[in-house]
Amino acid sequence: MSPRVVAVVVTWNRRDLLVESLAAIEAQTLKPTATVVVDNASIDGTTDLLDGSYGHLEVVHLTSNIGGAGGFAAGIERALTLDPDLSGSLMTTPCRSRPPPNGSPTRGGSTQVATTRAHG
């Protein structure tokens, strides 16, 4: 039996990177049982995108930006209600999700990933 994995994605005004991140999650060999997206009060159309194209996801719409750590906390709180064996978190930040083609270093942020065991 496959483990129950819940992915948590925290985003704020990164609509295009969010689409890319969600596609990458769906392309995994072991797809998560559920994906929780925490929208940290985006104003760039992220909310409409999530409500219109990603209705199958668990979405937490925050009314104010509570930062990355606060977003992770809200996402993990929702993920734990889904009874996962493991949850993984991804925060979209103002950076590239992979190095630029010319090999120069990525600047301006990073993609952060963390995992949490839910059961023993």
N, C-alpha and C. Protein backbone atom coordinates (compact mmCIF):
# COMPACT_ATOMS: atom_id res chain seq x y z
N MET A 1 0.84 -1.18 0.00
CA MET A 1 0.00 0.00 0.00
C MET A 1 0.89 1.25 0.00
N SER A 2 0.58 2.18 -0.85
CA SER A 2 1.35 3.43 -0.94
C SER A 2 1.07 4.32 0.25
N PRO A 3 2.07 5.07 0.69
CA PRO A 3 1.83 6.00 1.80
C PRO A 3 0.90 7.12 1.37
N ARG A 4 0.14 7.61 2.33
CA ARG A 4 -0.72 8.77 2.08
C ARG A 4 0.15 10.02 2.24
N VAL A 5 0.42 10.67 1.12
CA VAL A 5 1.27 11.86 1.11
C VAL A 5 0.42 13.07 0.75
N VAL A 6 0.57 14.13 1.53
CA VAL A 6 -0.10 15.39 1.24
C VAL A 6 0.97 16.44 0.96
N ALA A 7 0.89 17.06 -0.20
CA ALA A 7 1.80 18.14 -0.56
C ALA A 7 1.18 19.46 -0.13
N VAL A 8 2.01 20.35 0.40
CA VAL A 8 1.55 21.68 0.82
C VAL A 8 2.36 22.70 0.04
N VAL A 9 1.65 23.58 -0.66
CA VAL A 9 2.30 24.63 -1.45
C VAL A 9 1.84 25.98 -0.89
N VAL A 10 2.80 26.83 -0.55
CA VAL A 10 2.50 28.17 -0.05
C VAL A 10 2.89 29.16 -1.14
N THR A 11 1.97 30.06 -1.46
CA THR A 11 2.27 31.02 -2.53
C THR A 11 1.75 32.40 -2.18
N TRP A 12 2.40 33.39 -2.77
CA TRP A 12 1.95 34.78 -2.67
C TRP A 12 2.38 35.50 -3.94
N ASN A 13 1.40 35.87 -4.74
CA ASN A 13 1.63 36.63 -5.97
C ASN A 13 2.65 35.98 -6.90
N ARG A 14 2.57 34.68 -7.05
CA ARG A 14 3.47 33.93 -7.93
C ARG A 14 2.63 32.99 -8.80
N ARG A 15 1.64 33.54 -9.45
CA ARG A 15 0.67 32.76 -10.23
C ARG A 15 1.35 31.82 -11.22
N ASP A 16 2.28 32.32 -12.04
CA ASP A 16 2.91 31.49 -13.06
C ASP A 16 3.79 30.41 -12.44
N LEU A 17 4.54 30.76 -11.40
CA LEU A 17 5.36 29.77 -10.72
C LEU A 17 4.50 28.72 -10.02
N LEU A 18 3.34 29.13 -9.53
CA LEU A 18 2.42 28.19 -8.90
C LEU A 18 1.94 27.14 -9.92
N VAL A 19 1.58 27.59 -11.12
CA VAL A 19 1.15 26.66 -12.16
C VAL A 19 2.26 25.64 -12.44
N GLU A 20 3.48 26.13 -12.56
CA GLU A 20 4.64 25.26 -12.81
C GLU A 20 4.85 24.29 -11.65
N SER A 21 4.74 24.78 -10.43
CA SER A 21 4.94 23.95 -9.25
C SER A 21 3.88 22.86 -9.14
N LEU A 22 2.63 23.22 -9.40
CA LEU A 22 1.56 22.22 -9.34
C LEU A 22 1.71 21.16 -10.42
N ALA A 23 2.17 21.57 -11.60
CA ALA A 23 2.42 20.60 -12.67
C ALA A 23 3.54 19.64 -12.26
N ALA A 24 4.57 20.16 -11.61
CA ALA A 24 5.68 19.31 -11.17
C ALA A 24 5.21 18.30 -10.11
N ILE A 25 4.34 18.74 -9.22
CA ILE A 25 3.80 17.82 -8.21
C ILE A 25 3.01 16.71 -8.88
N GLU A 26 2.16 17.07 -9.84
CA GLU A 26 1.34 16.08 -10.54
C GLU A 26 2.18 15.12 -11.39
N ALA A 27 3.38 15.53 -11.78
CA ALA A 27 4.25 14.70 -12.63
C ALA A 27 5.08 13.70 -11.82
N GLN A 28 4.98 13.74 -10.51
CA GLN A 28 5.78 12.84 -9.68
C GLN A 28 5.37 11.39 -9.88
N THR A 29 6.32 10.49 -9.71
CA THR A 29 6.03 9.06 -9.80
C THR A 29 5.03 8.67 -8.72
N LEU A 30 5.27 9.12 -7.49
CA LEU A 30 4.33 8.90 -6.40
C LEU A 30 3.54 10.19 -6.22
N LYS A 31 2.36 10.21 -6.80
CA LYS A 31 1.53 11.41 -6.70
C LYS A 31 0.97 11.53 -5.29
N PRO A 32 0.87 12.76 -4.79
CA PRO A 32 0.29 12.93 -3.45
C PRO A 32 -1.19 12.53 -3.44
N THR A 33 -1.61 12.08 -2.29
CA THR A 33 -3.03 11.76 -2.09
C THR A 33 -3.86 13.03 -2.20
N ALA A 34 -3.30 14.13 -1.73
CA ALA A 34 -3.96 15.43 -1.79
C ALA A 34 -2.88 16.51 -1.87
N THR A 35 -3.28 17.66 -2.39
CA THR A 35 -2.40 18.83 -2.42
C THR A 35 -3.15 20.00 -1.78
N VAL A 36 -2.50 20.62 -0.81
CA VAL A 36 -3.03 21.79 -0.14
C VAL A 36 -2.27 23.00 -0.66
N VAL A 37 -2.98 24.00 -1.15
CA VAL A 37 -2.35 25.25 -1.58
C VAL A 37 -2.80 26.35 -0.64
N VAL A 38 -1.82 27.04 -0.06
CA VAL A 38 -2.10 28.18 0.81
C VAL A 38 -1.82 29.44 0.01
N ASP A 39 -2.87 30.21 -0.26
CA ASP A 39 -2.74 31.48 -0.96
C ASP A 39 -2.62 32.57 0.10
N ASN A 40 -1.44 33.13 0.20
CA ASN A 40 -1.12 34.12 1.23
C ASN A 40 -1.61 35.51 0.83
N ALA A 41 -2.91 35.61 0.52
CA ALA A 41 -3.58 36.88 0.18
C ALA A 41 -3.03 37.50 -1.11
N SER A 42 -2.86 36.67 -2.13
CA SER A 42 -2.35 37.16 -3.42
C SER A 42 -3.32 38.15 -4.06
N ILE A 43 -2.76 39.07 -4.87
CA ILE A 43 -3.59 40.03 -5.60
C ILE A 43 -3.28 39.99 -7.10
N ASP A 44 -2.63 38.92 -7.55
CA ASP A 44 -2.19 38.82 -8.95
C ASP A 44 -3.05 37.86 -9.78
N GLY A 45 -4.21 37.47 -9.28
CA GLY A 45 -5.06 36.54 -10.02
C GLY A 45 -4.92 35.10 -9.55
N THR A 46 -4.06 34.86 -8.57
CA THR A 46 -3.87 33.51 -8.05
C THR A 46 -5.17 32.93 -7.51
N THR A 47 -5.92 33.74 -6.77
CA THR A 47 -7.18 33.27 -6.19
C THR A 47 -8.14 32.80 -7.27
N ASP A 48 -8.31 33.59 -8.32
CA ASP A 48 -9.21 33.20 -9.42
C ASP A 48 -8.70 31.95 -10.12
N LEU A 49 -7.40 31.85 -10.32
CA LEU A 49 -6.81 30.67 -10.94
C LEU A 49 -7.13 29.42 -10.12
N LEU A 50 -6.89 29.49 -8.83
CA LEU A 50 -7.14 28.33 -7.96
C LEU A 50 -8.62 27.95 -7.95
N ASP A 51 -9.49 28.94 -7.83
CA ASP A 51 -10.92 28.66 -7.78
C ASP A 51 -11.45 28.15 -9.12
N GLY A 52 -10.86 28.61 -10.22
CA GLY A 52 -11.36 28.23 -11.54
C GLY A 52 -10.77 26.96 -12.12
N SER A 53 -9.46 26.78 -11.97
CA SER A 53 -8.79 25.67 -12.65
C SER A 53 -8.33 24.56 -11.73
N TYR A 54 -8.34 24.78 -10.44
CA TYR A 54 -7.80 23.79 -9.51
C TYR A 54 -8.80 23.47 -8.39
N GLY A 55 -10.05 23.31 -8.75
CA GLY A 55 -11.09 23.02 -7.77
C GLY A 55 -10.90 21.71 -7.04
N HIS A 56 -10.09 20.81 -7.58
CA HIS A 56 -9.85 19.51 -6.95
C HIS A 56 -8.82 19.59 -5.82
N LEU A 57 -8.17 20.73 -5.66
CA LEU A 57 -7.16 20.88 -4.62
C LEU A 57 -7.79 21.42 -3.34
N GLU A 58 -7.13 21.17 -2.23
CA GLU A 58 -7.51 21.78 -0.96
C GLU A 58 -6.87 23.17 -0.95
N VAL A 59 -7.66 24.21 -0.92
CA VAL A 59 -7.12 25.57 -0.98
C VAL A 59 -7.46 26.31 0.31
N VAL A 60 -6.44 26.93 0.88
CA VAL A 60 -6.62 27.79 2.05
C VAL A 60 -6.38 29.21 1.56
N HIS A 61 -7.43 30.03 1.54
CA HIS A 61 -7.32 31.44 1.15
C HIS A 61 -7.15 32.27 2.42
N LEU A 62 -5.98 32.86 2.59
CA LEU A 62 -5.75 33.72 3.74
C LEU A 62 -6.16 35.15 3.40
N THR A 63 -6.67 35.88 4.38
CA THR A 63 -7.14 37.25 4.15
C THR A 63 -6.02 38.27 4.27
N SER A 64 -4.88 37.85 4.82
CA SER A 64 -3.70 38.71 4.86
C SER A 64 -2.47 37.83 4.71
N ASN A 65 -1.37 38.42 4.25
CA ASN A 65 -0.14 37.67 4.06
C ASN A 65 0.52 37.49 5.42
N ILE A 66 0.56 36.25 5.89
CA ILE A 66 1.14 35.96 7.20
C ILE A 66 2.56 35.40 7.08
N GLY A 67 3.15 35.53 5.90
CA GLY A 67 4.53 35.11 5.69
C GLY A 67 4.65 33.63 5.39
N GLY A 68 5.85 33.24 5.03
CA GLY A 68 6.10 31.85 4.66
C GLY A 68 5.85 30.88 5.80
N ALA A 69 6.37 31.19 6.98
CA ALA A 69 6.20 30.30 8.13
C ALA A 69 4.72 30.19 8.52
N GLY A 70 4.03 31.31 8.52
CA GLY A 70 2.60 31.28 8.83
C GLY A 70 1.82 30.50 7.79
N GLY A 71 2.20 30.67 6.51
CA GLY A 71 1.56 29.92 5.45
C GLY A 71 1.79 28.43 5.59
N PHE A 72 3.04 28.05 5.92
CA PHE A 72 3.34 26.63 6.15
C PHE A 72 2.50 26.08 7.31
N ALA A 73 2.40 26.85 8.38
CA ALA A 73 1.62 26.41 9.54
C ALA A 73 0.16 26.18 9.15
N ALA A 74 -0.41 27.11 8.40
CA ALA A 74 -1.80 26.97 7.96
C ALA A 74 -1.95 25.76 7.04
N GLY A 75 -0.97 25.55 6.15
CA GLY A 75 -1.03 24.42 5.23
C GLY A 75 -0.89 23.08 5.93
N ILE A 76 0.05 22.99 6.86
CA ILE A 76 0.24 21.75 7.60
C ILE A 76 -0.98 21.46 8.46
N GLU A 77 -1.56 22.51 9.06
CA GLU A 77 -2.78 22.33 9.85
C GLU A 77 -3.88 21.69 8.99
N ARG A 78 -4.07 22.21 7.76
CA ARG A 78 -5.09 21.63 6.86
C ARG A 78 -4.68 20.22 6.43
N ALA A 79 -3.40 20.03 6.11
CA ALA A 79 -2.93 18.72 5.65
C ALA A 79 -3.17 17.64 6.70
N LEU A 80 -2.96 17.96 7.96
CA LEU A 80 -3.14 16.96 9.00
C LEU A 80 -4.59 16.53 9.16
N THR A 81 -5.53 17.33 8.70
CA THR A 81 -6.95 16.91 8.73
C THR A 81 -7.24 15.85 7.68
N LEU A 82 -6.30 15.65 6.74
CA LEU A 82 -6.48 14.69 5.65
C LEU A 82 -5.84 13.34 5.97
N ASP A 83 -5.39 13.17 7.20
CA ASP A 83 -4.82 11.92 7.70
C ASP A 83 -3.66 11.39 6.86
N PRO A 84 -2.63 12.22 6.65
CA PRO A 84 -1.50 11.76 5.84
C PRO A 84 -0.52 10.90 6.63
N ASP A 85 0.25 10.08 5.93
CA ASP A 85 1.40 9.42 6.52
C ASP A 85 2.59 10.37 6.49
N LEU A 86 2.61 11.22 5.45
CA LEU A 86 3.72 12.16 5.26
C LEU A 86 3.18 13.38 4.54
N SER A 87 3.63 14.55 4.94
CA SER A 87 3.27 15.76 4.21
C SER A 87 4.55 16.45 3.77
N GLY A 88 4.51 17.03 2.58
CA GLY A 88 5.66 17.76 2.07
C GLY A 88 5.22 19.16 1.72
N SER A 89 6.09 20.13 1.97
CA SER A 89 5.75 21.53 1.75
C SER A 89 6.65 22.15 0.70
N LEU A 90 6.07 23.00 -0.12
CA LEU A 90 6.82 23.74 -1.14
C LEU A 90 6.37 25.18 -1.07
N MET A 91 7.31 26.11 -0.97
CA MET A 91 6.96 27.52 -0.96
C MET A 91 7.47 28.15 -2.24
N THR A 92 6.57 28.74 -3.00
CA THR A 92 6.98 29.43 -4.22
C THR A 92 7.44 30.81 -3.83
N THR A 93 8.65 31.17 -4.27
CA THR A 93 9.23 32.46 -3.95
C THR A 93 9.68 33.13 -5.24
N PRO A 94 10.05 34.39 -5.20
CA PRO A 94 10.39 35.10 -6.43
C PRO A 94 11.73 34.67 -7.02
N CYS A 95 11.75 33.46 -7.53
CA CYS A 95 12.97 32.94 -8.13
C CYS A 95 12.62 32.00 -9.26
N ARG A 96 13.63 31.49 -9.89
CA ARG A 96 13.43 30.49 -10.92
C ARG A 96 13.37 29.13 -10.25
N SER A 97 12.58 28.21 -10.79
CA SER A 97 12.48 26.89 -10.19
C SER A 97 13.63 25.99 -10.63
N ARG A 98 14.41 26.43 -11.59
CA ARG A 98 15.59 25.69 -12.03
C ARG A 98 16.62 26.71 -12.49
N PRO A 99 17.90 26.31 -12.54
CA PRO A 99 18.92 27.29 -12.93
C PRO A 99 18.68 27.83 -14.33
N PRO A 100 19.07 29.09 -14.57
CA PRO A 100 18.91 29.66 -15.90
C PRO A 100 19.78 28.91 -16.90
N PRO A 101 19.41 28.93 -18.19
CA PRO A 101 20.13 28.16 -19.19
C PRO A 101 21.62 28.46 -19.28
N ASN A 102 22.03 29.67 -19.00
CA ASN A 102 23.45 30.02 -19.13
C ASN A 102 24.29 29.58 -17.93
N GLY A 103 23.65 28.96 -16.94
CA GLY A 103 24.38 28.44 -15.79
C GLY A 103 24.69 29.47 -14.72
N SER A 104 24.26 30.73 -14.92
CA SER A 104 24.53 31.74 -13.90
C SER A 104 23.70 31.44 -12.65
N PRO A 105 24.16 31.88 -11.50
CA PRO A 105 23.43 31.56 -10.27
C PRO A 105 22.06 32.21 -10.23
N THR A 106 21.14 31.53 -9.60
CA THR A 106 19.79 32.07 -9.40
C THR A 106 19.85 33.08 -8.27
N ARG A 107 19.17 34.19 -8.44
CA ARG A 107 19.16 35.23 -7.41
C ARG A 107 17.73 35.58 -7.04
N GLY A 108 17.58 36.13 -5.87
CA GLY A 108 16.30 36.69 -5.48
C GLY A 108 15.38 35.73 -4.77
N GLY A 109 15.89 34.65 -4.23
CA GLY A 109 15.03 33.75 -3.48
C GLY A 109 15.34 32.31 -3.81
N SER A 110 14.52 31.43 -3.30
CA SER A 110 14.72 30.01 -3.56
C SER A 110 13.41 29.29 -3.40
N THR A 111 13.36 28.07 -3.91
CA THR A 111 12.22 27.21 -3.65
C THR A 111 12.59 26.37 -2.45
N GLN A 112 11.75 26.36 -1.46
CA GLN A 112 12.03 25.65 -0.22
C GLN A 112 11.14 24.45 -0.10
N VAL A 113 11.71 23.32 0.30
CA VAL A 113 10.95 22.09 0.45
C VAL A 113 11.20 21.54 1.84
N ALA A 114 10.15 21.10 2.50
CA ALA A 114 10.27 20.46 3.81
C ALA A 114 9.30 19.30 3.88
N THR A 115 9.65 18.27 4.63
CA THR A 115 8.72 17.16 4.82
C THR A 115 8.49 16.96 6.31
N THR A 116 7.31 16.46 6.64
CA THR A 116 6.93 16.22 8.01
C THR A 116 6.27 14.86 8.12
N ARG A 117 6.72 14.03 9.04
CA ARG A 117 6.06 12.74 9.27
C ARG A 117 4.83 13.00 10.12
N ALA A 118 3.70 12.48 9.69
CA ALA A 118 2.46 12.67 10.44
C ALA A 118 2.21 11.53 11.39
N HIS A 119 2.65 10.34 11.04
CA HIS A 119 2.44 9.16 11.89
C HIS A 119 3.77 8.52 12.18
N GLY A 120 3.88 7.96 13.35
CA GLY A 120 4.97 7.37 13.80
C GLY A 120 6.05 6.63 13.59
